[in-house]
């Protein structure tokens, strides 16, 4: 049996407005999802630990991002049956895979941030 969706949306169709990959791209490349991937790269963290690791994220945005990432299979939520409640988050194999891609981008950004900021400053001065 052939995968009709797979046939319709071959690699490279991300530019197509109807490609379902675009929704996943939007979610996984959001500001907070990228930082969550980096924070969970080598760790399993509780919500409060994750919030501290991802500086500046509100509880609401962290919860929403984690929910989306769990829905898409990137993050696993582990709830322990204890009082008080204890919940931890870790990357799934799929999350680890996409996380490797994000680490490459983050490394590149950190190595080139001075050049980028200098260009930005020049553009602002020329405007």
PDB file of N, CA and C in Angstrom:
ATOM      1  N   UNK A   1       0.847  -1.173   0.000  1.00  0.00           N
ATOM      2  CA  UNK A   1       0.000   0.000   0.000  1.00  0.00           C
ATOM      3  C   UNK A   1       0.897   1.243   0.000  1.00  0.00           C
ATOM      4  N   UNK A   2       0.542   2.218  -0.786  1.00  0.00           N
ATOM      5  CA  UNK A   2       1.345   3.430  -0.863  1.00  0.00           C
ATOM      6  C   UNK A   2       0.800   4.483   0.089  1.00  0.00           C
ATOM      7  N   UNK A   3       1.683   5.345   0.493  1.00  0.00           N
ATOM      8  CA  UNK A   3       1.323   6.441   1.383  1.00  0.00           C
ATOM      9  C   UNK A   3       0.916   7.634   0.519  1.00  0.00           C
ATOM     10  N   UNK A   4      -0.386   7.871   0.403  1.00  0.00           N
ATOM     11  CA  UNK A   4      -0.880   8.946  -0.469  1.00  0.00           C
ATOM     12  C   UNK A   4      -0.374  10.311  -0.025  1.00  0.00           C
ATOM     13  N   UNK A   5      -0.361  10.559   1.291  1.00  0.00           N
ATOM     14  CA  UNK A   5       0.135  11.835   1.785  1.00  0.00           C
ATOM     15  C   UNK A   5       1.611  11.984   1.452  1.00  0.00           C
ATOM     16  N   UNK A   6       2.369  10.901   1.637  1.00  0.00           N
ATOM     17  CA  UNK A   6       3.790  10.916   1.319  1.00  0.00           C
ATOM     18  C   UNK A   6       4.049  11.158  -0.155  1.00  0.00           C
ATOM     19  N   UNK A   7       3.181  10.603  -1.012  1.00  0.00           N
ATOM     20  CA  UNK A   7       3.320  10.817  -2.454  1.00  0.00           C
ATOM     21  C   UNK A   7       3.034  12.269  -2.812  1.00  0.00           C
ATOM     22  N   UNK A   8       2.024  12.847  -2.181  1.00  0.00           N
ATOM     23  CA  UNK A   8       1.616  14.208  -2.513  1.00  0.00           C
ATOM     24  C   UNK A   8       2.639  15.243  -2.051  1.00  0.00           C
ATOM     25  N   UNK A   9       3.219  15.017  -0.881  1.00  0.00           N
ATOM     26  CA  UNK A   9       4.150  15.989  -0.323  1.00  0.00           C
ATOM     27  C   UNK A   9       5.543  15.384  -0.222  1.00  0.00           C
ATOM     28  N   UNK A  10       6.257  15.426  -1.308  1.00  0.00           N
ATOM     29  CA  UNK A  10       7.613  14.902  -1.349  1.00  0.00           C
ATOM     30  C   UNK A  10       8.555  15.937  -0.736  1.00  0.00           C
ATOM     31  N   UNK A  11       9.761  15.505  -0.448  1.00  0.00           N
ATOM     32  CA  UNK A  11      10.768  16.423   0.098  1.00  0.00           C
ATOM     33  C   UNK A  11      10.885  17.631  -0.828  1.00  0.00           C
ATOM     34  N   UNK A  12      10.961  18.790  -0.232  1.00  0.00           N
ATOM     35  CA  UNK A  12      11.041  20.012  -1.011  1.00  0.00           C
ATOM     36  C   UNK A  12       9.709  20.716  -1.140  1.00  0.00           C
ATOM     37  N   UNK A  13       8.652  20.093  -0.640  1.00  0.00           N
ATOM     38  CA  UNK A  13       7.327  20.694  -0.709  1.00  0.00           C
ATOM     39  C   UNK A  13       7.060  21.642   0.456  1.00  0.00           C
ATOM     40  N   UNK A  14       8.032  21.857   1.302  1.00  0.00           N
ATOM     41  CA  UNK A  14       7.860  22.727   2.457  1.00  0.00           C
ATOM     42  C   UNK A  14       7.446  24.136   2.043  1.00  0.00           C
ATOM     43  N   UNK A  15       7.805  24.536   0.855  1.00  0.00           N
ATOM     44  CA  UNK A  15       7.416  25.858   0.363  1.00  0.00           C
ATOM     45  C   UNK A  15       5.958  25.904  -0.075  1.00  0.00           C
ATOM     46  N   UNK A  16       5.335  24.746  -0.214  1.00  0.00           N
ATOM     47  CA  UNK A  16       3.925  24.661  -0.592  1.00  0.00           C
ATOM     48  C   UNK A  16       3.072  25.014   0.618  1.00  0.00           C
ATOM     49  N   UNK A  17       2.159  25.946   0.456  1.00  0.00           N
ATOM     50  CA  UNK A  17       1.322  26.415   1.560  1.00  0.00           C
ATOM     51  C   UNK A  17       0.509  25.298   2.200  1.00  0.00           C
ATOM     52  N   UNK A  18       0.204  24.243   1.467  1.00  0.00           N
ATOM     53  CA  UNK A  18      -0.601  23.136   1.984  1.00  0.00           C
ATOM     54  C   UNK A  18       0.220  22.001   2.585  1.00  0.00           C
ATOM     55  N   UNK A  19       1.529  22.133   2.611  1.00  0.00           N
ATOM     56  CA  UNK A  19       2.383  21.063   3.127  1.00  0.00           C
ATOM     57  C   UNK A  19       2.233  20.964   4.646  1.00  0.00           C
ATOM     58  N   UNK A  20       1.900  19.775   5.160  1.00  0.00           N
ATOM     59  CA  UNK A  20       1.723  19.623   6.608  1.00  0.00           C
ATOM     60  C   UNK A  20       3.017  19.834   7.397  1.00  0.00           C
ATOM     61  N   UNK A  21       4.146  19.724   6.749  1.00  0.00           N
ATOM     62  CA  UNK A  21       5.423  19.952   7.434  1.00  0.00           C
ATOM     63  C   UNK A  21       5.564  21.391   7.909  1.00  0.00           C
ATOM     64  N   UNK A  22       4.851  22.308   7.265  1.00  0.00           N
ATOM     65  CA  UNK A  22       4.964  23.718   7.639  1.00  0.00           C
ATOM     66  C   UNK A  22       4.482  23.966   9.058  1.00  0.00           C
ATOM     67  N   UNK A  23       3.430  23.271   9.468  1.00  0.00           N
ATOM     68  CA  UNK A  23       2.932  23.445  10.828  1.00  0.00           C
ATOM     69  C   UNK A  23       3.960  22.928  11.832  1.00  0.00           C
ATOM     70  N   UNK A  24       4.571  21.798  11.526  1.00  0.00           N
ATOM     71  CA  UNK A  24       5.605  21.248  12.406  1.00  0.00           C
ATOM     72  C   UNK A  24       6.797  22.203  12.448  1.00  0.00           C
ATOM     73  N   UNK A  25       7.181  22.735  11.298  1.00  0.00           N
ATOM     74  CA  UNK A  25       8.287  23.689  11.233  1.00  0.00           C
ATOM     75  C   UNK A  25       8.000  24.899  12.109  1.00  0.00           C
ATOM     76  N   UNK A  26       6.787  25.415  12.023  1.00  0.00           N
ATOM     77  CA  UNK A  26       6.408  26.588  12.818  1.00  0.00           C
ATOM     78  C   UNK A  26       6.537  26.293  14.308  1.00  0.00           C
ATOM     79  N   UNK A  27       6.089  25.118  14.707  1.00  0.00           N
ATOM     80  CA  UNK A  27       6.137  24.760  16.128  1.00  0.00           C
ATOM     81  C   UNK A  27       7.562  24.521  16.618  1.00  0.00           C
ATOM     82  N   UNK A  28       8.334  23.757  15.864  1.00  0.00           N
ATOM     83  CA  UNK A  28       9.654  23.350  16.350  1.00  0.00           C
ATOM     84  C   UNK A  28      10.678  24.473  16.246  1.00  0.00           C
ATOM     85  N   UNK A  29      10.453  25.448  15.379  1.00  0.00           N
ATOM     86  CA  UNK A  29      11.400  26.553  15.264  1.00  0.00           C
ATOM     87  C   UNK A  29      10.939  27.784  16.025  1.00  0.00           C
ATOM     88  N   UNK A  30       9.916  27.629  16.855  1.00  0.00           N
ATOM     89  CA  UNK A  30       9.513  28.773  17.672  1.00  0.00           C
ATOM     90  C   UNK A  30      10.647  29.105  18.637  1.00  0.00           C
ATOM     91  N   UNK A  31      10.652  30.329  19.070  1.00  0.00           N
ATOM     92  CA  UNK A  31      11.690  30.807  19.977  1.00  0.00           C
ATOM     93  C   UNK A  31      11.890  29.863  21.166  1.00  0.00           C
ATOM     94  N   UNK A  32      10.805  29.475  21.813  1.00  0.00           N
ATOM     95  CA  UNK A  32      10.920  28.682  23.032  1.00  0.00           C
ATOM     96  C   UNK A  32      11.201  27.216  22.742  1.00  0.00           C
ATOM     97  N   UNK A  33      10.660  26.670  21.687  1.00  0.00           N
ATOM     98  CA  UNK A  33      10.908  25.255  21.373  1.00  0.00           C
ATOM     99  C   UNK A  33      12.382  24.998  21.090  1.00  0.00           C
ATOM    100  N   UNK A  34      13.014  25.898  20.381  1.00  0.00           N
ATOM    101  CA  UNK A  34      14.443  25.748  20.083  1.00  0.00           C
ATOM    102  C   UNK A  34      15.242  25.744  21.384  1.00  0.00           C
ATOM    103  N   UNK A  35      14.919  26.667  22.282  1.00  0.00           N
ATOM    104  CA  UNK A  35      15.652  26.745  23.545  1.00  0.00           C
ATOM    105  C   UNK A  35      15.358  25.542  24.445  1.00  0.00           C
ATOM    106  N   UNK A  36      14.133  25.034  24.401  1.00  0.00           N
ATOM    107  CA  UNK A  36      13.787  23.825  25.156  1.00  0.00           C
ATOM    108  C   UNK A  36      14.596  22.639  24.636  1.00  0.00           C
ATOM    109  N   UNK A  37      14.706  22.518  23.323  1.00  0.00           N
ATOM    110  CA  UNK A  37      15.514  21.437  22.743  1.00  0.00           C
ATOM    111  C   UNK A  37      16.954  21.509  23.241  1.00  0.00           C
ATOM    112  N   UNK A  38      17.500  22.710  23.277  1.00  0.00           N
ATOM    113  CA  UNK A  38      18.877  22.872  23.747  1.00  0.00           C
ATOM    114  C   UNK A  38      18.998  22.526  25.232  1.00  0.00           C
ATOM    115  N   UNK A  39      18.024  22.952  26.032  1.00  0.00           N
ATOM    116  CA  UNK A  39      18.073  22.701  27.476  1.00  0.00           C
ATOM    117  C   UNK A  39      17.934  21.220  27.809  1.00  0.00           C
ATOM    118  N   UNK A  40      17.120  20.507  27.031  1.00  0.00           N
ATOM    119  CA  UNK A  40      16.879  19.089  27.305  1.00  0.00           C
ATOM    120  C   UNK A  40      17.846  18.160  26.571  1.00  0.00           C
ATOM    121  N   UNK A  41      18.765  18.737  25.820  1.00  0.00           N
ATOM    122  CA  UNK A  41      19.676  17.937  24.993  1.00  0.00           C
ATOM    123  C   UNK A  41      20.349  16.815  25.781  1.00  0.00           C
ATOM    124  N   UNK A  42      20.831  17.110  26.968  1.00  0.00           N
ATOM    125  CA  UNK A  42      21.547  16.108  27.760  1.00  0.00           C
ATOM    126  C   UNK A  42      20.920  15.874  29.126  1.00  0.00           C
ATOM    127  N   UNK A  43      19.721  16.399  29.333  1.00  0.00           N
ATOM    128  CA  UNK A  43      19.125  16.342  30.666  1.00  0.00           C
ATOM    129  C   UNK A  43      17.656  15.968  30.638  1.00  0.00           C
ATOM    130  N   UNK A  44      17.210  15.401  31.746  1.00  0.00           N
ATOM    131  CA  UNK A  44      15.795  15.251  32.061  1.00  0.00           C
ATOM    132  C   UNK A  44      15.540  16.278  33.151  1.00  0.00           C
ATOM    133  N   UNK A  45      14.582  17.175  32.931  1.00  0.00           N
ATOM    134  CA  UNK A  45      14.377  18.283  33.858  1.00  0.00           C
ATOM    135  C   UNK A  45      12.935  18.395  34.316  1.00  0.00           C
ATOM    136  N   UNK A  46      12.764  18.851  35.540  1.00  0.00           N
ATOM    137  CA  UNK A  46      11.445  19.208  36.043  1.00  0.00           C
ATOM    138  C   UNK A  46      11.058  20.544  35.420  1.00  0.00           C
ATOM    139  N   UNK A  47       9.763  20.871  35.487  1.00  0.00           N
ATOM    140  CA  UNK A  47       9.259  22.099  34.881  1.00  0.00           C
ATOM    141  C   UNK A  47      10.024  23.317  35.403  1.00  0.00           C
ATOM    142  N   UNK A  48      10.170  23.422  36.721  1.00  0.00           N
ATOM    143  CA  UNK A  48      10.843  24.589  37.308  1.00  0.00           C
ATOM    144  C   UNK A  48      12.309  24.658  36.886  1.00  0.00           C
ATOM    145  N   UNK A  49      12.967  23.517  36.780  1.00  0.00           N
ATOM    146  CA  UNK A  49      14.360  23.488  36.330  1.00  0.00           C
ATOM    147  C   UNK A  49      14.460  23.928  34.874  1.00  0.00           C
ATOM    148  N   UNK A  50      13.520  23.474  34.079  1.00  0.00           N
ATOM    149  CA  UNK A  50      13.495  23.838  32.663  1.00  0.00           C
ATOM    150  C   UNK A  50      13.230  25.332  32.503  1.00  0.00           C
ATOM    151  N   UNK A  51      12.335  25.857  33.319  1.00  0.00           N
ATOM    152  CA  UNK A  51      12.034  27.295  33.254  1.00  0.00           C
ATOM    153  C   UNK A  51      13.266  28.115  33.615  1.00  0.00           C
ATOM    154  N   UNK A  52      14.018  27.679  34.605  1.00  0.00           N
ATOM    155  CA  UNK A  52      15.258  28.386  34.962  1.00  0.00           C
ATOM    156  C   UNK A  52      16.295  28.260  33.846  1.00  0.00           C
ATOM    157  N   UNK A  53      16.372  27.092  33.233  1.00  0.00           N
ATOM    158  CA  UNK A  53      17.355  26.861  32.165  1.00  0.00           C
ATOM    159  C   UNK A  53      17.066  27.721  30.942  1.00  0.00           C
ATOM    160  N   UNK A  54      15.778  27.916  30.647  1.00  0.00           N
ATOM    161  CA  UNK A  54      15.362  28.711  29.485  1.00  0.00           C
ATOM    162  C   UNK A  54      14.995  30.102  30.002  1.00  0.00           C
ATOM    163  N   UNK A  55      15.979  30.918  30.211  1.00  0.00           N
ATOM    164  CA  UNK A  55      15.761  32.245  30.784  1.00  0.00           C
ATOM    165  C   UNK A  55      14.757  33.070  29.999  1.00  0.00           C
ATOM    166  N   UNK A  56      13.835  33.721  30.747  1.00  0.00           N
ATOM    167  CA  UNK A  56      12.896  34.650  30.131  1.00  0.00           C
ATOM    168  C   UNK A  56      11.578  34.057  29.688  1.00  0.00           C
ATOM    169  N   UNK A  57      11.405  32.755  29.752  1.00  0.00           N
ATOM    170  CA  UNK A  57      10.154  32.138  29.301  1.00  0.00           C
ATOM    171  C   UNK A  57       9.131  32.195  30.434  1.00  0.00           C
ATOM    172  N   UNK A  58       7.906  32.548  30.096  1.00  0.00           N
ATOM    173  CA  UNK A  58       6.832  32.554  31.091  1.00  0.00           C
ATOM    174  C   UNK A  58       6.339  31.125  31.305  1.00  0.00           C
ATOM    175  N   UNK A  59       5.666  30.900  32.427  1.00  0.00           N
ATOM    176  CA  UNK A  59       5.100  29.574  32.689  1.00  0.00           C
ATOM    177  C   UNK A  59       4.132  29.184  31.581  1.00  0.00           C
ATOM    178  N   UNK A  60       3.314  30.141  31.146  1.00  0.00           N
ATOM    179  CA  UNK A  60       2.312  29.881  30.107  1.00  0.00           C
ATOM    180  C   UNK A  60       2.964  29.435  28.800  1.00  0.00           C
ATOM    181  N   UNK A  61       3.990  30.166  28.367  1.00  0.00           N
ATOM    182  CA  UNK A  61       4.639  29.831  27.097  1.00  0.00           C
ATOM    183  C   UNK A  61       5.425  28.525  27.196  1.00  0.00           C
ATOM    184  N   UNK A  62       6.023  28.269  28.354  1.00  0.00           N
ATOM    185  CA  UNK A  62       6.738  27.010  28.535  1.00  0.00           C
ATOM    186  C   UNK A  62       5.759  25.845  28.488  1.00  0.00           C
ATOM    187  N   UNK A  63       4.633  25.987  29.176  1.00  0.00           N
ATOM    188  CA  UNK A  63       3.607  24.931  29.164  1.00  0.00           C
ATOM    189  C   UNK A  63       3.091  24.676  27.760  1.00  0.00           C
ATOM    190  N   UNK A  64       2.790  25.750  27.035  1.00  0.00           N
ATOM    191  CA  UNK A  64       2.263  25.616  25.677  1.00  0.00           C
ATOM    192  C   UNK A  64       3.290  24.960  24.761  1.00  0.00           C
ATOM    193  N   UNK A  65       4.524  25.401  24.839  1.00  0.00           N
ATOM    194  CA  UNK A  65       5.573  24.838  23.984  1.00  0.00           C
ATOM    195  C   UNK A  65       5.803  23.366  24.293  1.00  0.00           C
ATOM    196  N   UNK A  66       5.832  23.023  25.575  1.00  0.00           N
ATOM    197  CA  UNK A  66       6.009  21.616  25.956  1.00  0.00           C
ATOM    198  C   UNK A  66       4.846  20.764  25.475  1.00  0.00           C
ATOM    199  N   UNK A  67       3.641  21.304  25.559  1.00  0.00           N
ATOM    200  CA  UNK A  67       2.452  20.567  25.093  1.00  0.00           C
ATOM    201  C   UNK A  67       2.556  20.296  23.590  1.00  0.00           C
ATOM    202  N   UNK A  68       2.912  21.312  22.808  1.00  0.00           N
ATOM    203  CA  UNK A  68       3.075  21.130  21.362  1.00  0.00           C
ATOM    204  C   UNK A  68       4.176  20.111  21.066  1.00  0.00           C
ATOM    205  N   UNK A  69       5.289  20.227  21.781  1.00  0.00           N
ATOM    206  CA  UNK A  69       6.415  19.332  21.533  1.00  0.00           C
ATOM    207  C   UNK A  69       6.072  17.895  21.919  1.00  0.00           C
ATOM    208  N   UNK A  70       5.247  17.737  22.944  1.00  0.00           N
ATOM    209  CA  UNK A  70       4.787  16.402  23.323  1.00  0.00           C
ATOM    210  C   UNK A  70       3.832  15.852  22.264  1.00  0.00           C
ATOM    211  N   UNK A  71       2.914  16.694  21.779  1.00  0.00           N
ATOM    212  CA  UNK A  71       1.975  16.275  20.724  1.00  0.00           C
ATOM    213  C   UNK A  71       2.714  15.811  19.476  1.00  0.00           C
ATOM    214  N   UNK A  72       3.798  16.492  19.141  1.00  0.00           N
ATOM    215  CA  UNK A  72       4.552  16.179  17.922  1.00  0.00           C
ATOM    216  C   UNK A  72       5.576  15.064  18.121  1.00  0.00           C
ATOM    217  N   UNK A  73       5.709  14.575  19.345  1.00  0.00           N
ATOM    218  CA  UNK A  73       6.602  13.448  19.601  1.00  0.00           C
ATOM    219  C   UNK A  73       8.040  13.806  19.896  1.00  0.00           C
ATOM    220  N   UNK A  74       8.315  15.072  20.209  1.00  0.00           N
ATOM    221  CA  UNK A  74       9.684  15.497  20.485  1.00  0.00           C
ATOM    222  C   UNK A  74      10.045  15.416  21.965  1.00  0.00           C
ATOM    223  N   UNK A  75       9.042  15.559  22.828  1.00  0.00           N
ATOM    224  CA  UNK A  75       9.267  15.579  24.275  1.00  0.00           C
ATOM    225  C   UNK A  75       8.383  14.538  24.942  1.00  0.00           C
ATOM    226  N   UNK A  76       8.941  13.887  25.941  1.00  0.00           N
ATOM    227  CA  UNK A  76       8.168  12.950  26.755  1.00  0.00           C
ATOM    228  C   UNK A  76       7.941  13.585  28.126  1.00  0.00           C
ATOM    229  N   UNK A  77       6.698  13.556  28.568  1.00  0.00           N
ATOM    230  CA  UNK A  77       6.327  14.057  29.896  1.00  0.00           C
ATOM    231  C   UNK A  77       6.194  12.848  30.808  1.00  0.00           C
ATOM    232  N   UNK A  78       6.956  12.848  31.897  1.00  0.00           N
ATOM    233  CA  UNK A  78       6.948  11.728  32.835  1.00  0.00           C
ATOM    234  C   UNK A  78       6.343  12.223  34.146  1.00  0.00           C
ATOM    235  N   UNK A  79       5.150  11.729  34.472  1.00  0.00           N
ATOM    236  CA  UNK A  79       4.464  12.125  35.704  1.00  0.00           C
ATOM    237  C   UNK A  79       4.610  11.011  36.731  1.00  0.00           C
ATOM    238  N   UNK A  80       5.109  11.360  37.893  1.00  0.00           N
ATOM    239  CA  UNK A  80       5.276  10.401  38.987  1.00  0.00           C
ATOM    240  C   UNK A  80       4.084  10.518  39.929  1.00  0.00           C
ATOM    241  N   UNK A  81       3.594   9.390  40.393  1.00  0.00           N
ATOM    242  CA  UNK A  81       2.418   9.348  41.264  1.00  0.00           C
ATOM    243  C   UNK A  81       2.845   9.556  42.717  1.00  0.00           C
ATOM    244  N   UNK A  82       3.208  10.795  43.022  1.00  0.00           N
ATOM    245  CA  UNK A  82       3.639  11.155  44.373  1.00  0.00           C
ATOM    246  C   UNK A  82       2.978  12.468  44.777  1.00  0.00           C
ATOM    247  N   UNK A  83       3.030  12.757  46.072  1.00  0.00           N
ATOM    248  CA  UNK A  83       2.532  14.034  46.587  1.00  0.00           C
ATOM    249  C   UNK A  83       3.715  14.732  47.240  1.00  0.00           C
ATOM    250  N   UNK A  84       4.015  15.964  46.846  1.00  0.00           N
ATOM    251  CA  UNK A  84       3.383  16.746  45.785  1.00  0.00           C
ATOM    252  C   UNK A  84       3.717  16.175  44.405  1.00  0.00           C
ATOM    253  N   UNK A  85       2.934  16.561  43.391  1.00  0.00           N
ATOM    254  CA  UNK A  85       3.153  16.034  42.037  1.00  0.00           C
ATOM    255  C   UNK A  85       4.587  16.289  41.559  1.00  0.00           C
ATOM    256  N   UNK A  86       5.112  15.337  40.843  1.00  0.00           N
ATOM    257  CA  UNK A  86       6.476  15.422  40.315  1.00  0.00           C
ATOM    258  C   UNK A  86       6.415  15.052  38.835  1.00  0.00           C
ATOM    259  N   UNK A  87       6.771  16.002  37.984  1.00  0.00           N
ATOM    260  CA  UNK A  87       6.750  15.789  36.537  1.00  0.00           C
ATOM    261  C   UNK A  87       8.119  16.151  35.981  1.00  0.00           C
ATOM    262  N   UNK A  88       8.608  15.318  35.083  1.00  0.00           N
ATOM    263  CA  UNK A  88       9.871  15.585  34.410  1.00  0.00           C
ATOM    264  C   UNK A  88       9.662  15.540  32.900  1.00  0.00           C
ATOM    265  N   UNK A  89      10.567  16.191  32.193  1.00  0.00           N
ATOM    266  CA  UNK A  89      10.520  16.229  30.733  1.00  0.00           C
ATOM    267  C   UNK A  89      11.865  15.788  30.188  1.00  0.00           C
ATOM    268  N   UNK A  90      11.801  15.014  29.097  1.00  0.00           N
ATOM    269  CA  UNK A  90      13.025  14.620  28.403  1.00  0.00           C
ATOM    270  C   UNK A  90      12.716  14.497  26.917  1.00  0.00           C
ATOM    271  N   UNK A  91      13.779  14.552  26.130  1.00  0.00           N
ATOM    272  CA  UNK A  91      13.614  14.404  24.687  1.00  0.00           C
ATOM    273  C   UNK A  91      13.388  12.939  24.338  1.00  0.00           C
ATOM    274  N   UNK A  92      12.528  12.714  23.375  1.00  0.00           N
ATOM    275  CA  UNK A  92      12.311  11.385  22.807  1.00  0.00           C
ATOM    276  C   UNK A  92      13.417  11.139  21.774  1.00  0.00           C
ATOM    277  N   UNK A  93      13.508   9.942  21.214  1.00  0.00           N
ATOM    278  CA  UNK A  93      14.480   9.734  20.127  1.00  0.00           C
ATOM    279  C   UNK A  93      14.278  10.734  18.974  1.00  0.00           C
ATOM    280  N   UNK A  94      13.028  11.034  18.638  1.00  0.00           N
ATOM    281  CA  UNK A  94      12.753  12.022  17.590  1.00  0.00           C
ATOM    282  C   UNK A  94      13.224  13.409  18.025  1.00  0.00           C
ATOM    283  N   UNK A  95      13.010  13.738  19.293  1.00  0.00           N
ATOM    284  CA  UNK A  95      13.464  15.012  19.834  1.00  0.00           C
ATOM    285  C   UNK A  95      14.980  15.123  19.837  1.00  0.00           C
ATOM    286  N   UNK A  96      15.647  14.026  20.166  1.00  0.00           N
ATOM    287  CA  UNK A  96      17.111  14.022  20.131  1.00  0.00           C
ATOM    288  C   UNK A  96      17.617  14.248  18.712  1.00  0.00           C
ATOM    289  N   UNK A  97      16.920  13.646  17.756  1.00  0.00           N
ATOM    290  CA  UNK A  97      17.315  13.784  16.347  1.00  0.00           C
ATOM    291  C   UNK A  97      17.187  15.231  15.871  1.00  0.00           C
ATOM    292  N   UNK A  98      16.044  15.851  16.128  1.00  0.00           N
ATOM    293  CA  UNK A  98      15.873  17.243  15.703  1.00  0.00           C
ATOM    294  C   UNK A  98      16.754  18.159  16.547  1.00  0.00           C
ATOM    295  N   UNK A  99      16.985  17.781  17.794  1.00  0.00           N
ATOM    296  CA  UNK A  99      17.854  18.570  18.656  1.00  0.00           C
ATOM    297  C   UNK A  99      19.260  18.688  18.109  1.00  0.00           C
ATOM    298  N   UNK A 100      19.752  17.624  17.489  1.00  0.00           N
ATOM    299  CA  UNK A 100      21.088  17.672  16.880  1.00  0.00           C
ATOM    300  C   UNK A 100      21.151  18.736  15.783  1.00  0.00           C
ATOM    301  N   UNK A 101      20.080  18.872  15.036  1.00  0.00           N
ATOM    302  CA  UNK A 101      20.038  19.893  13.987  1.00  0.00           C
ATOM    303  C   UNK A 101      20.051  21.291  14.604  1.00  0.00           C
ATOM    304  N   UNK A 102      19.311  21.459  15.677  1.00  0.00           N
ATOM    305  CA  UNK A 102      19.228  22.751  16.358  1.00  0.00           C
ATOM    306  C   UNK A 102      20.571  23.114  16.990  1.00  0.00           C
ATOM    307  N   UNK A 103      21.270  22.131  17.539  1.00  0.00           N
ATOM    308  CA  UNK A 103      22.589  22.380  18.129  1.00  0.00           C
ATOM    309  C   UNK A 103      23.538  22.934  17.069  1.00  0.00           C
ATOM    310  N   UNK A 104      23.476  22.385  15.868  1.00  0.00           N
ATOM    311  CA  UNK A 104      24.314  22.900  14.780  1.00  0.00           C
ATOM    312  C   UNK A 104      24.017  24.357  14.480  1.00  0.00           C
ATOM    313  N   UNK A 105      22.748  24.702  14.433  1.00  0.00           N
ATOM    314  CA  UNK A 105      22.353  26.092  14.191  1.00  0.00           C
ATOM    315  C   UNK A 105      22.802  26.981  15.349  1.00  0.00           C
ATOM    316  N   UNK A 106      22.589  26.529  16.579  1.00  0.00           N
ATOM    317  CA  UNK A 106      22.981  27.314  17.754  1.00  0.00           C
ATOM    318  C   UNK A 106      24.492  27.541  17.777  1.00  0.00           C
ATOM    319  N   UNK A 107      25.261  26.510  17.462  1.00  0.00           N
ATOM    320  CA  UNK A 107      26.722  26.651  17.410  1.00  0.00           C
ATOM    321  C   UNK A 107      27.120  27.685  16.369  1.00  0.00           C
ATOM    322  N   UNK A 108      26.510  27.605  15.198  1.00  0.00           N
ATOM    323  CA  UNK A 108      26.824  28.561  14.135  1.00  0.00           C
ATOM    324  C   UNK A 108      26.485  29.980  14.574  1.00  0.00           C
ATOM    325  N   UNK A 109      25.302  30.154  15.184  1.00  0.00           N
ATOM    326  CA  UNK A 109      24.892  31.483  15.645  1.00  0.00           C
ATOM    327  C   UNK A 109      25.874  32.047  16.663  1.00  0.00           C
ATOM    328  N   UNK A 110      26.256  31.232  17.625  1.00  0.00           N
ATOM    329  CA  UNK A 110      27.175  31.710  18.657  1.00  0.00           C
ATOM    330  C   UNK A 110      28.547  32.060  18.082  1.00  0.00           C
ATOM    331  N   UNK A 111      28.980  31.340  17.063  1.00  0.00           N
ATOM    332  CA  UNK A 111      30.275  31.633  16.443  1.00  0.00           C
ATOM    333  C   UNK A 111      30.214  32.885  15.565  1.00  0.00           C
ATOM    334  N   UNK A 112      29.028  33.241  15.099  1.00  0.00           N
ATOM    335  CA  UNK A 112      28.903  34.349  14.153  1.00  0.00           C
ATOM    336  C   UNK A 112      28.113  35.537  14.679  1.00  0.00           C
ATOM    337  N   UNK A 113      27.743  35.535  15.944  1.00  0.00           N
ATOM    338  CA  UNK A 113      26.887  36.597  16.473  1.00  0.00           C
ATOM    339  C   UNK A 113      27.537  37.974  16.345  1.00  0.00           C
ATOM    340  N   UNK A 114      28.838  38.069  16.524  1.00  0.00           N
ATOM    341  CA  UNK A 114      29.498  39.371  16.405  1.00  0.00           C
ATOM    342  C   UNK A 114      29.372  39.922  14.990  1.00  0.00           C
ATOM    343  N   UNK A 115      29.564  39.079  13.994  1.00  0.00           N
ATOM    344  CA  UNK A 115      29.421  39.517  12.599  1.00  0.00           C
ATOM    345  C   UNK A 115      27.993  39.956  12.315  1.00  0.00           C
ATOM    346  N   UNK A 116      27.038  39.205  12.828  1.00  0.00           N
ATOM    347  CA  UNK A 116      25.626  39.512  12.595  1.00  0.00           C
ATOM    348  C   UNK A 116      25.264  40.843  13.245  1.00  0.00           C
ATOM    349  N   UNK A 117      25.681  41.031  14.492  1.00  0.00           N
ATOM    350  CA  UNK A 117      25.366  42.275  15.196  1.00  0.00           C
ATOM    351  C   UNK A 117      26.056  43.472  14.550  1.00  0.00           C
ATOM    352  N   UNK A 118      27.276  43.282  14.057  1.00  0.00           N
ATOM    353  CA  UNK A 118      27.973  44.364  13.361  1.00  0.00           C
ATOM    354  C   UNK A 118      27.220  44.748  12.096  1.00  0.00           C
ATOM    355  N   UNK A 119      26.739  43.757  11.363  1.00  0.00           N
ATOM    356  CA  UNK A 119      25.965  44.032  10.150  1.00  0.00           C
ATOM    357  C   UNK A 119      24.667  44.755  10.502  1.00  0.00           C
ATOM    358  N   UNK A 120      24.011  44.304  11.550  1.00  0.00           N
ATOM    359  CA  UNK A 120      22.767  44.936  11.989  1.00  0.00           C
ATOM    360  C   UNK A 120      23.008  46.399  12.356  1.00  0.00           C
ATOM    361  N   UNK A 121      24.099  46.640  13.085  1.00  0.00           N
ATOM    362  CA  UNK A 121      24.430  48.006  13.492  1.00  0.00           C
ATOM    363  C   UNK A 121      24.710  48.881  12.274  1.00  0.00           C
ATOM    364  N   UNK A 122      25.434  48.329  11.295  1.00  0.00           N
ATOM    365  CA  UNK A 122      25.730  49.081  10.071  1.00  0.00           C
ATOM    366  C   UNK A 122      24.446  49.415   9.323  1.00  0.00           C
ATOM    367  N   UNK A 123      23.544  48.463   9.229  1.00  0.00           N
ATOM    368  CA  UNK A 123      22.271  48.698   8.535  1.00  0.00           C
ATOM    369  C   UNK A 123      21.468  49.791   9.236  1.00  0.00           C
ATOM    370  N   UNK A 124      21.472  49.784  10.558  1.00  0.00           N
ATOM    371  CA  UNK A 124      20.741  50.803  11.320  1.00  0.00           C
ATOM    372  C   UNK A 124      21.351  52.179  11.104  1.00  0.00           C
ATOM    373  N   UNK A 125      22.682  52.240  11.042  1.00  0.00           N
ATOM    374  CA  UNK A 125      23.366  53.514  10.838  1.00  0.00           C
ATOM    375  C   UNK A 125      23.107  54.058   9.439  1.00  0.00           C
ATOM    376  N   UNK A 126      22.986  53.173   8.457  1.00  0.00           N
ATOM    377  CA  UNK A 126      22.755  53.588   7.070  1.00  0.00           C
ATOM    378  C   UNK A 126      21.314  54.024   6.828  1.00  0.00           C
ATOM    379  N   UNK A 127      20.417  53.627   7.691  1.00  0.00           N
ATOM    380  CA  UNK A 127      18.983  53.913   7.475  1.00  0.00           C
ATOM    381  C   UNK A 127      18.618  55.341   7.767  1.00  0.00           C
TER     382      UNK A 127
END
